[in-house]
Amino acid sequence: MERPGFMASLVAGGIAGVSVDLILYPLDTIKTRLQSPQGFNKAGGFRGIYAGVPSAAIGSFPNAAAFFITYEYVKWFLHTDSSSYLMPVKHMLAASAGELVACLIRVPSEVVKQRAQVSSSSRTFQIFSNVLYQEGIRGLYRGYTSTVLREIPFSLVQFPLWESLKALWSWRQDHVVDCWQSAVCGAFAGGFAAVVTTPLDVAKTRIMLAKVGSSTASGNVLSALHGVWRTQGLAGLFAGVFPRTAAISLGGFIFLGAYDQTRSLLLELGRGSP
């Protein structure tokens, strides 16, 4: 990847990530409280829906930037002809690699954020300090495996679908899609991926919120899913599906549209500079 492309991906990804996380934060809080083991009302209901937002704000830019740098680099490294049937495979591999890297930043931020969302009386820094004191660095990465197991299937659905929809739209109108069209494709792709991966999101939330020393806190995704199924059935596995789908559909519109727009602008500026 040329230097302008590399830097454009870093900045565009970071800006897009921050935009989405802060604009749609209330929906994320509602989703987390619907999925929490103590129930929506005990977790805070509609009160303090910006609890934990400092953690999201701090982690958002580097998380999204890390994903898109990796995503674009792997796409470049695995360069194939645009008409090749291997294109979806390339996008899947690039998205999976991006998630593995981004989760190194995302998971600590997510652990602190979700605990703050269900305990709005506690400050974000206090929660961060408590995790470090009680569980050490390992506590900040509790749920890394479950997060990766959620994000990779999500990306395997979302990004190839996004790229395919853009390619189809470009072919139909005989020119490259505009940024708003890319955003619409992102909304459809994100919404569909959100629905099918909701059970994995529920498992991740339960693992991150579990009490220290409990069986769920061990991070076993199948055990967490089985526990939810046994106590709440199918409704429990899809808890929070509506705010999650709404947030990710809107997020896909803003995130992927803002990413394409910002990256195109930065690449233009890069070509125009001496």
C-alpha atoms as a PDB file:
ATOM      1  CA  MET A   1       0.000   0.000   0.000  1.00  0.00           C
ATOM      2  CA  GLU A   2       1.351   3.410  -0.890  1.00  0.00           C
ATOM      3  CA  ARG A   3       1.883   5.849   1.956  1.00  0.00           C
ATOM      4  CA  PRO A   4      -1.142   8.085   1.134  1.00  0.00           C
ATOM      5  CA  GLY A   5      -3.407   5.009   1.042  1.00  0.00           C
ATOM      6  CA  PHE A   6      -2.050   3.765   4.344  1.00  0.00           C
ATOM      7  CA  MET A   7      -2.515   7.075   6.119  1.00  0.00           C
ATOM      8  CA  ALA A   8      -5.907   7.632   4.509  1.00  0.00           C
ATOM      9  CA  SER A   9      -7.137   4.273   5.843  1.00  0.00           C
ATOM     10  CA  LEU A  10      -5.853   5.068   9.335  1.00  0.00           C
ATOM     11  CA  VAL A  11      -7.459   8.512   9.578  1.00  0.00           C
ATOM     12  CA  ALA A  12     -10.668   7.626   7.707  1.00  0.00           C
ATOM     13  CA  GLY A  13     -11.219   4.497   9.799  1.00  0.00           C
ATOM     14  CA  GLY A  14     -10.633   6.389  13.043  1.00  0.00           C
ATOM     15  CA  ILE A  15     -12.984   9.253  12.138  1.00  0.00           C
ATOM     16  CA  ALA A  16     -15.701   6.855  10.997  1.00  0.00           C
ATOM     17  CA  GLY A  17     -15.384   4.798  14.201  1.00  0.00           C
ATOM     18  CA  VAL A  18     -15.616   7.781  16.541  1.00  0.00           C
ATOM     19  CA  SER A  19     -18.619   9.179  14.620  1.00  0.00           C
ATOM     20  CA  VAL A  20     -20.604   5.962  14.934  1.00  0.00           C
ATOM     21  CA  ASP A  21     -19.738   5.103  18.519  1.00  0.00           C
ATOM     22  CA  LEU A  22     -20.676   8.504  19.921  1.00  0.00           C
ATOM     23  CA  ILE A  23     -23.795   9.115  17.812  1.00  0.00           C
ATOM     24  CA  LEU A  24     -25.310   5.673  18.464  1.00  0.00           C
ATOM     25  CA  TYR A  25     -24.085   5.151  22.030  1.00  0.00           C
ATOM     26  CA  PRO A  26     -27.574   5.248  23.647  1.00  0.00           C
ATOM     27  CA  LEU A  27     -28.735   2.316  21.480  1.00  0.00           C
ATOM     28  CA  ASP A  28     -25.655   0.348  22.500  1.00  0.00           C
ATOM     29  CA  THR A  29     -26.383   0.984  26.183  1.00  0.00           C
ATOM     30  CA  ILE A  30     -29.990  -0.190  25.799  1.00  0.00           C
ATOM     31  CA  LYS A  31     -28.793  -3.320  23.981  1.00  0.00           C
ATOM     32  CA  THR A  32     -26.264  -4.134  26.719  1.00  0.00           C
ATOM     33  CA  ARG A  33     -28.864  -3.714  29.467  1.00  0.00           C
ATOM     34  CA  LEU A  34     -31.340  -5.948  27.641  1.00  0.00           C
ATOM     35  CA  GLN A  35     -28.642  -8.639  27.447  1.00  0.00           C
ATOM     36  CA  SER A  36     -27.370  -8.303  31.025  1.00  0.00           C
ATOM     37  CA  PRO A  37     -28.104 -11.180  33.447  1.00  0.00           C
ATOM     38  CA  GLN A  38     -29.814  -8.893  36.008  1.00  0.00           C
ATOM     39  CA  GLY A  39     -32.393  -7.680  33.489  1.00  0.00           C
ATOM     40  CA  PHE A  40     -33.049  -4.366  31.778  1.00  0.00           C
ATOM     41  CA  ASN A  41     -34.564  -2.409  34.680  1.00  0.00           C
ATOM     42  CA  LYS A  42     -32.030  -3.502  37.316  1.00  0.00           C
ATOM     43  CA  ALA A  43     -29.210  -2.749  34.889  1.00  0.00           C
ATOM     44  CA  GLY A  44     -30.380   0.870  34.696  1.00  0.00           C
ATOM     45  CA  GLY A  45     -33.312   0.909  32.272  1.00  0.00           C
ATOM     46  CA  PHE A  46     -33.343   4.158  30.315  1.00  0.00           C
ATOM     47  CA  ARG A  47     -31.378   6.059  32.980  1.00  0.00           C
ATOM     48  CA  GLY A  48     -27.829   7.237  32.365  1.00  0.00           C
ATOM     49  CA  ILE A  49     -27.653   5.980  28.799  1.00  0.00           C
ATOM     50  CA  TYR A  50     -24.263   7.656  28.266  1.00  0.00           C
ATOM     51  CA  ALA A  51     -22.668   5.745  31.162  1.00  0.00           C
ATOM     52  CA  GLY A  52     -19.263   4.453  30.062  1.00  0.00           C
ATOM     53  CA  VAL A  53     -18.963   6.784  27.081  1.00  0.00           C
ATOM     54  CA  PRO A  54     -15.389   7.895  27.996  1.00  0.00           C
ATOM     55  CA  SER A  55     -14.173   4.322  27.472  1.00  0.00           C
ATOM     56  CA  ALA A  56     -15.854   4.178  24.053  1.00  0.00           C
ATOM     57  CA  ALA A  57     -14.489   7.596  23.085  1.00  0.00           C
ATOM     58  CA  ILE A  58     -10.902   6.681  24.026  1.00  0.00           C
ATOM     59  CA  GLY A  59     -10.931   3.278  22.339  1.00  0.00           C
ATOM     60  CA  SER A  60     -12.951   4.140  19.261  1.00  0.00           C
ATOM     61  CA  PHE A  61     -10.382   5.902  17.055  1.00  0.00           C
ATOM     62  CA  PRO A  62      -7.462   3.455  17.493  1.00  0.00           C
ATOM     63  CA  ASN A  63      -9.827   0.470  17.281  1.00  0.00           C
ATOM     64  CA  ALA A  64     -11.405   1.508  13.976  1.00  0.00           C
ATOM     65  CA  ALA A  65      -8.093   2.744  12.576  1.00  0.00           C
ATOM     66  CA  ALA A  66      -6.397  -0.580  13.390  1.00  0.00           C
ATOM     67  CA  PHE A  67      -9.198  -2.495  11.680  1.00  0.00           C
ATOM     68  CA  PHE A  68      -9.129  -0.507   8.452  1.00  0.00           C
ATOM     69  CA  ILE A  69      -5.336  -0.338   8.171  1.00  0.00           C
ATOM     70  CA  THR A  70      -5.242  -4.135   8.430  1.00  0.00           C
ATOM     71  CA  TYR A  71      -8.280  -4.587   6.170  1.00  0.00           C
ATOM     72  CA  GLU A  72      -6.865  -2.430   3.371  1.00  0.00           C
ATOM     73  CA  TYR A  73      -3.350  -3.837   3.714  1.00  0.00           C
ATOM     74  CA  VAL A  74      -4.510  -7.469   3.488  1.00  0.00           C
ATOM     75  CA  LYS A  75      -6.721  -6.602   0.486  1.00  0.00           C
ATOM     76  CA  TRP A  76      -3.664  -5.057  -1.180  1.00  0.00           C
ATOM     77  CA  PHE A  77      -1.438  -8.001  -0.214  1.00  0.00           C
ATOM     78  CA  LEU A  78      -3.946 -10.527  -1.600  1.00  0.00           C
ATOM     79  CA  HIS A  79      -4.495  -8.520  -4.776  1.00  0.00           C
ATOM     80  CA  THR A  80      -6.707 -10.331  -7.303  1.00  0.00           C
ATOM     81  CA  ASP A  81      -8.439  -9.288 -10.489  1.00  0.00           C
ATOM     82  CA  SER A  82     -11.690  -7.417  -9.704  1.00  0.00           C
ATOM     83  CA  SER A  83     -13.684  -9.902 -11.780  1.00  0.00           C
ATOM     84  CA  SER A  84     -12.203 -12.922  -9.982  1.00  0.00           C
ATOM     85  CA  TYR A  85     -14.487 -15.310  -8.118  1.00  0.00           C
ATOM     86  CA  LEU A  86     -11.905 -15.114  -5.299  1.00  0.00           C
ATOM     87  CA  MET A  87     -12.848 -11.502  -4.486  1.00  0.00           C
ATOM     88  CA  PRO A  88     -15.313 -12.442  -1.686  1.00  0.00           C
ATOM     89  CA  VAL A  89     -12.652 -14.738  -0.166  1.00  0.00           C
ATOM     90  CA  LYS A  90     -10.158 -11.876  -0.222  1.00  0.00           C
ATOM     91  CA  HIS A  91     -12.630  -9.577   1.551  1.00  0.00           C
ATOM     92  CA  MET A  92     -13.400 -12.281   4.143  1.00  0.00           C
ATOM     93  CA  LEU A  93      -9.720 -12.847   4.912  1.00  0.00           C
ATOM     94  CA  ALA A  94      -9.034  -9.110   5.083  1.00  0.00           C
ATOM     95  CA  ALA A  95     -11.983  -8.513   7.426  1.00  0.00           C
ATOM     96  CA  SER A  96     -11.011 -11.442   9.681  1.00  0.00           C
ATOM     97  CA  ALA A  97      -7.421 -10.199   9.954  1.00  0.00           C
ATOM     98  CA  GLY A  98      -8.726  -6.707  10.706  1.00  0.00           C
ATOM     99  CA  GLU A  99     -10.901  -8.004  13.545  1.00  0.00           C
ATOM    100  CA  LEU A 100      -8.084 -10.014  15.144  1.00  0.00           C
ATOM    101  CA  VAL A 101      -5.936  -6.873  15.318  1.00  0.00           C
ATOM    102  CA  ALA A 102      -8.725  -4.442  16.272  1.00  0.00           C
ATOM    103  CA  CYS A 103      -9.951  -6.665  19.124  1.00  0.00           C
ATOM    104  CA  LEU A 104      -6.629  -6.142  20.916  1.00  0.00           C
ATOM    105  CA  ILE A 105      -7.796  -2.539  21.401  1.00  0.00           C
ATOM    106  CA  ARG A 106     -11.556  -3.085  21.392  1.00  0.00           C
ATOM    107  CA  VAL A 107     -11.854  -5.678  24.171  1.00  0.00           C
ATOM    108  CA  PRO A 108     -10.397  -3.670  27.113  1.00  0.00           C
ATOM    109  CA  SER A 109     -12.509  -0.696  26.059  1.00  0.00           C
ATOM    110  CA  GLU A 110     -15.583  -2.919  25.743  1.00  0.00           C
ATOM    111  CA  VAL A 111     -15.093  -4.573  29.158  1.00  0.00           C
ATOM    112  CA  VAL A 112     -14.955  -1.202  30.935  1.00  0.00           C
ATOM    113  CA  LYS A 113     -17.749   0.298  28.828  1.00  0.00           C
ATOM    114  CA  GLN A 114     -20.222  -2.552  29.365  1.00  0.00           C
ATOM    115  CA  ARG A 115     -19.646  -2.675  33.113  1.00  0.00           C
ATOM    116  CA  ALA A 116     -20.234   1.068  33.282  1.00  0.00           C
ATOM    117  CA  GLN A 117     -23.430   0.698  31.215  1.00  0.00           C
ATOM    118  CA  VAL A 118     -24.979  -1.684  33.764  1.00  0.00           C
ATOM    119  CA  SER A 119     -23.605   0.196  36.777  1.00  0.00           C
ATOM    120  CA  SER A 120     -24.215   3.828  35.895  1.00  0.00           C
ATOM    121  CA  SER A 121     -23.449   4.961  39.465  1.00  0.00           C
ATOM    122  CA  SER A 122     -19.778   3.987  38.993  1.00  0.00           C
ATOM    123  CA  ARG A 123     -17.340   6.160  37.097  1.00  0.00           C
ATOM    124  CA  THR A 124     -15.471   4.768  34.101  1.00  0.00           C
ATOM    125  CA  PHE A 125     -12.005   5.235  35.652  1.00  0.00           C
ATOM    126  CA  GLN A 126     -13.170   3.613  38.894  1.00  0.00           C
ATOM    127  CA  ILE A 127     -14.371   0.553  36.959  1.00  0.00           C
ATOM    128  CA  PHE A 128     -11.077   0.421  35.038  1.00  0.00           C
ATOM    129  CA  SER A 129      -9.120   0.569  38.311  1.00  0.00           C
ATOM    130  CA  ASN A 130     -11.283  -2.140  39.909  1.00  0.00           C
ATOM    131  CA  VAL A 131     -10.758  -4.504  36.982  1.00  0.00           C
ATOM    132  CA  LEU A 132      -6.988  -4.021  37.133  1.00  0.00           C
ATOM    133  CA  TYR A 133      -6.924  -4.440  40.934  1.00  0.00           C
ATOM    134  CA  GLN A 134      -9.153  -7.536  41.071  1.00  0.00           C
ATOM    135  CA  GLU A 135      -8.209  -9.343  37.846  1.00  0.00           C
ATOM    136  CA  GLY A 136      -5.096  -7.660  36.454  1.00  0.00           C
ATOM    137  CA  ILE A 137      -4.458  -7.126  32.735  1.00  0.00           C
ATOM    138  CA  ARG A 138      -6.124 -10.476  32.075  1.00  0.00           C
ATOM    139  CA  GLY A 139      -9.396  -9.025  33.356  1.00  0.00           C
ATOM    140  CA  LEU A 140      -9.311  -6.327  30.676  1.00  0.00           C
ATOM    141  CA  TYR A 141      -9.091  -9.074  28.061  1.00  0.00           C
ATOM    142  CA  ARG A 142     -11.866 -11.203  29.511  1.00  0.00           C
ATOM    143  CA  GLY A 143     -14.097 -12.009  26.580  1.00  0.00           C
ATOM    144  CA  TYR A 144     -11.383 -11.597  23.919  1.00  0.00           C
ATOM    145  CA  THR A 145     -12.164 -15.018  22.461  1.00  0.00           C
ATOM    146  CA  SER A 146     -15.925 -14.441  22.533  1.00  0.00           C
ATOM    147  CA  THR A 147     -15.477 -11.004  20.945  1.00  0.00           C
ATOM    148  CA  VAL A 148     -13.354 -12.448  18.135  1.00  0.00           C
ATOM    149  CA  LEU A 149     -15.878 -15.275  17.675  1.00  0.00           C
ATOM    150  CA  ARG A 150     -18.582 -12.614  17.334  1.00  0.00           C
ATOM    151  CA  GLU A 151     -16.666 -10.173  15.157  1.00  0.00           C
ATOM    152  CA  ILE A 152     -15.189 -12.583  12.612  1.00  0.00           C
ATOM    153  CA  PRO A 153     -18.545 -14.156  11.602  1.00  0.00           C
ATOM    154  CA  PHE A 154     -20.015 -10.637  11.589  1.00  0.00           C
ATOM    155  CA  SER A 155     -17.283  -9.376   9.266  1.00  0.00           C
ATOM    156  CA  LEU A 156     -17.464 -12.510   7.116  1.00  0.00           C
ATOM    157  CA  VAL A 157     -21.075 -11.555   6.424  1.00  0.00           C
ATOM    158  CA  GLN A 158     -20.889  -7.754   6.454  1.00  0.00           C
ATOM    159  CA  PHE A 159     -17.821  -6.874   4.393  1.00  0.00           C
ATOM    160  CA  PRO A 160     -18.191  -9.275   1.440  1.00  0.00           C
ATOM    161  CA  LEU A 161     -21.882  -8.307   1.301  1.00  0.00           C
ATOM    162  CA  TRP A 162     -20.990  -4.581   1.415  1.00  0.00           C
ATOM    163  CA  GLU A 163     -18.382  -4.961  -1.323  1.00  0.00           C
ATOM    164  CA  SER A 164     -20.733  -7.103  -3.445  1.00  0.00           C
ATOM    165  CA  LEU A 165     -23.623  -4.639  -3.126  1.00  0.00           C
ATOM    166  CA  LYS A 166     -21.322  -1.771  -4.113  1.00  0.00           C
ATOM    167  CA  ALA A 167     -20.034  -3.738  -7.110  1.00  0.00           C
ATOM    168  CA  LEU A 168     -23.592  -4.610  -8.199  1.00  0.00           C
ATOM    169  CA  TRP A 169     -24.775  -1.011  -7.843  1.00  0.00           C
ATOM    170  CA  SER A 170     -21.708   0.243  -9.756  1.00  0.00           C
ATOM    171  CA  TRP A 171     -22.394  -2.250 -12.547  1.00  0.00           C
ATOM    172  CA  ARG A 172     -26.078  -1.269 -12.755  1.00  0.00           C
ATOM    173  CA  GLN A 173     -25.352   2.478 -13.056  1.00  0.00           C
ATOM    174  CA  ASP A 174     -22.115   2.034 -15.037  1.00  0.00           C
ATOM    175  CA  HIS A 175     -19.938   4.080 -12.672  1.00  0.00           C
ATOM    176  CA  VAL A 176     -18.461   3.770  -9.205  1.00  0.00           C
ATOM    177  CA  VAL A 177     -20.938   4.226  -6.353  1.00  0.00           C
ATOM    178  CA  ASP A 178     -21.153   7.583  -4.591  1.00  0.00           C
ATOM    179  CA  CYS A 179     -20.425   7.782  -0.867  1.00  0.00           C
ATOM    180  CA  TRP A 180     -24.145   7.885   0.041  1.00  0.00           C
ATOM    181  CA  GLN A 181     -24.705   4.747  -2.032  1.00  0.00           C
ATOM    182  CA  SER A 182     -21.807   3.043  -0.257  1.00  0.00           C
ATOM    183  CA  ALA A 183     -23.452   4.051   3.024  1.00  0.00           C
ATOM    184  CA  VAL A 184     -26.802   2.495   1.994  1.00  0.00           C
ATOM    185  CA  CYS A 185     -25.005  -0.738   1.081  1.00  0.00           C
ATOM    186  CA  GLY A 186     -23.280  -0.611   4.472  1.00  0.00           C
ATOM    187  CA  ALA A 187     -26.606  -0.226   6.275  1.00  0.00           C
ATOM    188  CA  PHE A 188     -28.105  -3.309   4.595  1.00  0.00           C
ATOM    189  CA  ALA A 189     -24.956  -5.389   5.084  1.00  0.00           C
ATOM    190  CA  GLY A 190     -24.556  -4.365   8.724  1.00  0.00           C
ATOM    191  CA  GLY A 191     -28.206  -4.929   9.626  1.00  0.00           C
ATOM    192  CA  PHE A 192     -28.245  -8.433   8.180  1.00  0.00           C
ATOM    193  CA  ALA A 193     -24.954  -9.360   9.871  1.00  0.00           C
ATOM    194  CA  ALA A 194     -26.215  -7.955  13.187  1.00  0.00           C
ATOM    195  CA  VAL A 195     -29.275 -10.207  13.262  1.00  0.00           C
ATOM    196  CA  VAL A 196     -27.461 -13.455  12.525  1.00  0.00           C
ATOM    197  CA  THR A 197     -24.668 -12.818  15.062  1.00  0.00           C
ATOM    198  CA  THR A 198     -26.835 -11.601  17.980  1.00  0.00           C
ATOM    199  CA  PRO A 199     -26.525 -14.867  19.996  1.00  0.00           C
ATOM    200  CA  LEU A 200     -22.730 -14.507  19.904  1.00  0.00           C
ATOM    201  CA  ASP A 201     -23.102 -10.901  21.083  1.00  0.00           C
ATOM    202  CA  VAL A 202     -25.277 -12.061  23.995  1.00  0.00           C
ATOM    203  CA  ALA A 203     -22.621 -14.623  24.980  1.00  0.00           C
ATOM    204  CA  LYS A 204     -19.888 -11.958  24.835  1.00  0.00           C
ATOM    205  CA  THR A 205     -21.920  -9.579  27.025  1.00  0.00           C
ATOM    206  CA  ARG A 206     -22.618 -12.285  29.631  1.00  0.00           C
ATOM    207  CA  ILE A 207     -18.930 -13.243  29.788  1.00  0.00           C
ATOM    208  CA  MET A 208     -17.772  -9.643  30.207  1.00  0.00           C
ATOM    209  CA  LEU A 209     -20.361  -8.898  32.907  1.00  0.00           C
ATOM    210  CA  ALA A 210     -20.017 -12.175  34.836  1.00  0.00           C
ATOM    211  CA  LYS A 211     -18.827 -12.085  38.443  1.00  0.00           C
ATOM    212  CA  VAL A 212     -15.167 -12.887  39.056  1.00  0.00           C
ATOM    213  CA  GLY A 213     -14.707 -16.629  39.610  1.00  0.00           C
ATOM    214  CA  SER A 214     -18.050 -17.684  38.107  1.00  0.00           C
ATOM    215  CA  SER A 215     -18.215 -20.351  35.411  1.00  0.00           C
ATOM    216  CA  THR A 216     -19.369 -17.786  32.832  1.00  0.00           C
ATOM    217  CA  ALA A 217     -16.359 -15.563  33.599  1.00  0.00           C
ATOM    218  CA  SER A 218     -14.066 -18.361  32.355  1.00  0.00           C
ATOM    219  CA  GLY A 219     -14.909 -17.248  28.807  1.00  0.00           C
ATOM    220  CA  ASN A 220     -16.434 -20.447  27.444  1.00  0.00           C
ATOM    221  CA  VAL A 221     -18.753 -19.245  24.664  1.00  0.00           C
ATOM    222  CA  LEU A 222     -20.698 -22.515  24.283  1.00  0.00           C
ATOM    223  CA  SER A 223     -21.255 -22.678  28.035  1.00  0.00           C
ATOM    224  CA  ALA A 224     -22.532 -19.084  28.074  1.00  0.00           C
ATOM    225  CA  LEU A 225     -24.884 -19.776  25.144  1.00  0.00           C
ATOM    226  CA  HIS A 226     -26.148 -22.959  26.807  1.00  0.00           C
ATOM    227  CA  GLY A 227     -26.810 -21.087  30.059  1.00  0.00           C
ATOM    228  CA  VAL A 228     -28.859 -18.428  28.259  1.00  0.00           C
ATOM    229  CA  TRP A 229     -30.766 -21.068  26.268  1.00  0.00           C
ATOM    230  CA  ARG A 230     -31.538 -23.072  29.424  1.00  0.00           C
ATOM    231  CA  THR A 231     -32.877 -20.093  31.394  1.00  0.00           C
ATOM    232  CA  GLN A 232     -34.386 -17.843  28.714  1.00  0.00           C
ATOM    233  CA  GLY A 233     -34.701 -19.892  25.535  1.00  0.00           C
ATOM    234  CA  LEU A 234     -34.588 -18.402  22.036  1.00  0.00           C
ATOM    235  CA  ALA A 235     -35.747 -14.987  23.291  1.00  0.00           C
ATOM    236  CA  GLY A 236     -32.677 -14.809  25.547  1.00  0.00           C
ATOM    237  CA  LEU A 237     -30.309 -15.680  22.711  1.00  0.00           C
ATOM    238  CA  PHE A 238     -31.747 -12.810  20.654  1.00  0.00           C
ATOM    239  CA  ALA A 239     -32.053 -10.330  23.533  1.00  0.00           C
ATOM    240  CA  GLY A 240     -31.363  -6.813  22.309  1.00  0.00           C
ATOM    241  CA  VAL A 241     -31.638  -7.798  18.641  1.00  0.00           C
ATOM    242  CA  PHE A 242     -33.752  -4.743  17.703  1.00  0.00           C
ATOM    243  CA  PRO A 243     -31.539  -1.992  19.197  1.00  0.00           C
ATOM    244  CA  ARG A 244     -28.452  -3.924  18.010  1.00  0.00           C
ATOM    245  CA  THR A 245     -29.775  -4.178  14.441  1.00  0.00           C
ATOM    246  CA  ALA A 246     -30.922  -0.548  14.441  1.00  0.00           C
ATOM    247  CA  ALA A 247     -27.581   0.667  15.806  1.00  0.00           C
ATOM    248  CA  ILE A 248     -25.508  -1.407  13.388  1.00  0.00           C
ATOM    249  CA  SER A 249     -27.673  -0.552  10.368  1.00  0.00           C
ATOM    250  CA  LEU A 250     -27.377   3.151  11.157  1.00  0.00           C
ATOM    251  CA  GLY A 251     -23.774   2.555  12.121  1.00  0.00           C
ATOM    252  CA  GLY A 252     -23.076   0.822   8.820  1.00  0.00           C
ATOM    253  CA  PHE A 253     -24.591   3.806   6.983  1.00  0.00           C
ATOM    254  CA  ILE A 254     -22.505   6.336   8.923  1.00  0.00           C
ATOM    255  CA  PHE A 255     -19.365   4.227   9.414  1.00  0.00           C
ATOM    256  CA  LEU A 256     -18.835   2.832   5.923  1.00  0.00           C
ATOM    257  CA  GLY A 257     -20.140   5.983   4.233  1.00  0.00           C
ATOM    258  CA  ALA A 258     -17.901   8.225   6.348  1.00  0.00           C
ATOM    259  CA  TYR A 259     -14.973   5.875   5.775  1.00  0.00           C
ATOM    260  CA  ASP A 260     -15.333   5.920   1.986  1.00  0.00           C
ATOM    261  CA  GLN A 261     -15.910   9.699   1.927  1.00  0.00           C
ATOM    262  CA  THR A 262     -12.971  10.534   4.197  1.00  0.00           C
ATOM    263  CA  ARG A 263     -10.608   8.082   2.514  1.00  0.00           C
ATOM    264  CA  SER A 264     -11.474   9.400  -0.972  1.00  0.00           C
ATOM    265  CA  LEU A 265     -10.932  12.993   0.206  1.00  0.00           C
ATOM    266  CA  LEU A 266      -7.579  12.188   1.819  1.00  0.00           C
ATOM    267  CA  LEU A 267      -6.387  10.284  -1.246  1.00  0.00           C
ATOM    268  CA  GLU A 268      -7.324  13.268  -3.427  1.00  0.00           C
ATOM    269  CA  LEU A 269      -5.406  15.587  -1.115  1.00  0.00           C
ATOM    270  CA  GLY A 270      -2.461  13.177  -1.203  1.00  0.00           C
ATOM    271  CA  ARG A 271      -2.396  13.141  -5.005  1.00  0.00           C
ATOM    272  CA  GLY A 272      -2.727  16.930  -5.170  1.00  0.00           C
ATOM    273  CA  SER A 273       0.167  17.678  -2.838  1.00  0.00           C
ATOM    274  CA  PRO A 274       3.678  18.008  -4.323  1.00  0.00           C
END
